[in-house]
Protein backbone atom coordinates (compact mmCIF):
# COMPACT_ATOMS: atom_id res chain seq x y z
CA MET A 1 -13.38 -6.77 -0.31
CA ALA A 2 -10.69 -8.77 -2.11
CA LYS A 3 -7.09 -8.57 -0.97
CA GLY A 4 -4.30 -7.91 -3.44
CA LYS A 5 -1.34 -10.06 -4.44
CA ILE A 6 1.43 -10.19 -1.82
CA ALA A 7 4.19 -7.88 -3.05
CA GLU A 8 6.45 -8.33 0.01
CA LYS A 9 5.99 -9.99 3.40
CA SER A 10 7.09 -6.86 5.25
CA PRO A 11 6.04 -3.21 5.42
CA ILE A 12 8.21 -0.37 4.16
CA MET A 13 8.98 2.54 6.48
CA MET A 14 9.20 5.88 4.70
CA GLU A 15 9.56 9.50 5.75
CA MET A 16 6.69 11.18 3.92
CA LYS A 17 6.33 14.82 3.04
CA PRO A 18 2.89 16.46 2.85
CA GLY A 19 1.07 15.58 -0.34
CA THR A 20 -1.28 13.11 -2.01
CA TYR A 21 -0.11 9.57 -2.65
CA TYR A 22 -1.74 6.55 -4.29
CA TRP A 23 -1.12 3.23 -2.52
CA CYS A 24 -1.09 0.11 -4.68
CA ALA A 25 -3.96 -2.15 -3.58
CA CYS A 26 -3.50 -4.88 -6.20
CA GLY A 27 0.09 -5.81 -5.32
CA LYS A 28 1.23 -5.78 -8.96
CA SER A 29 2.93 -2.37 -9.07
CA SER A 30 6.67 -2.34 -9.74
CA ASN A 31 6.78 0.91 -7.73
CA GLN A 32 5.73 -0.52 -4.34
CA PRO A 33 4.08 0.67 -2.21
CA PHE A 34 2.70 3.12 -4.75
CA CYS A 35 0.49 2.58 -7.79
CA ASP A 36 1.97 2.41 -11.28
CA GLY A 37 -1.29 1.56 -13.08
CA SER A 38 -0.76 -2.23 -13.09
CA HIS A 39 -4.28 -2.71 -11.69
CA GLN A 40 -5.86 -1.71 -15.02
CA GLY A 41 -8.49 -4.26 -16.01
CA SER A 42 -8.78 -5.71 -12.51
CA GLU A 43 -11.21 -5.15 -9.64
CA PHE A 44 -8.61 -3.07 -7.77
CA THR A 45 -8.12 0.68 -7.59
CA PRO A 46 -5.36 2.53 -5.75
CA LYS A 47 -6.11 4.10 -2.38
CA GLU A 48 -5.67 7.85 -2.24
CA VAL A 49 -3.77 8.94 0.89
CA LYS A 50 -3.37 12.57 1.93
CA ILE A 51 -0.41 13.25 4.19
CA GLU A 52 -0.96 16.53 6.03
CA LYS A 53 2.39 16.85 7.82
CA GLU A 54 5.83 15.30 7.48
CA GLN A 55 5.75 11.93 9.22
CA THR A 56 7.03 8.37 9.28
CA VAL A 57 4.64 5.92 7.60
CA PHE A 58 4.72 2.11 7.59
CA TRP A 59 3.14 1.26 4.24
CA CYS A 60 1.67 -2.24 3.85
CA ARG A 61 3.24 -4.27 1.05
CA CYS A 62 1.62 -7.65 1.80
CA LYS A 63 -1.79 -6.17 0.82
CA GLN A 64 -3.49 -8.26 3.54
CA THR A 65 -3.87 -5.42 6.07
CA ASP A 66 -7.26 -4.62 7.56
CA ASN A 67 -6.12 -0.97 7.83
CA PRO A 68 -5.12 -0.09 4.25
CA PRO A 69 -2.76 1.43 3.29
CA PHE A 70 -0.97 1.05 6.60
CA CYS A 71 0.69 -2.03 8.05
CA ASP A 72 -1.29 -3.76 10.81
CA GLY A 73 1.05 -6.73 11.22
CA SER A 74 -0.94 -9.04 8.93
CA HIS A 75 2.33 -10.05 7.19
CA ASN A 76 3.30 -11.90 10.39
CA LYS A 77 0.52 -14.44 9.72
CA LEU A 78 1.58 -15.26 6.15
C-alpha cells in the first residue's frame, strides 16, 4: 500500500470524544490529521476511526506509520 505525503514530521496528541473520525491518509488535507477531501482523484481514501470512549490519541501526521492512523514512531526515521 502506498504511503501518503508527509504533512508533518511529528504526531499530534488530541483528547478525543466518542464518535467517528476520518483520518487523512494522503497527507494533503489542510485539516490535519483529518480528511478534508483533498485526496479526490488519487489512490488514497481516508481511514474511518471509531472512538468508543474519551481518550488521548496520537494521530500520525507523517503518513508513514505501519499502524494507521496512529503514530508508531516512523517519523523518527525521516
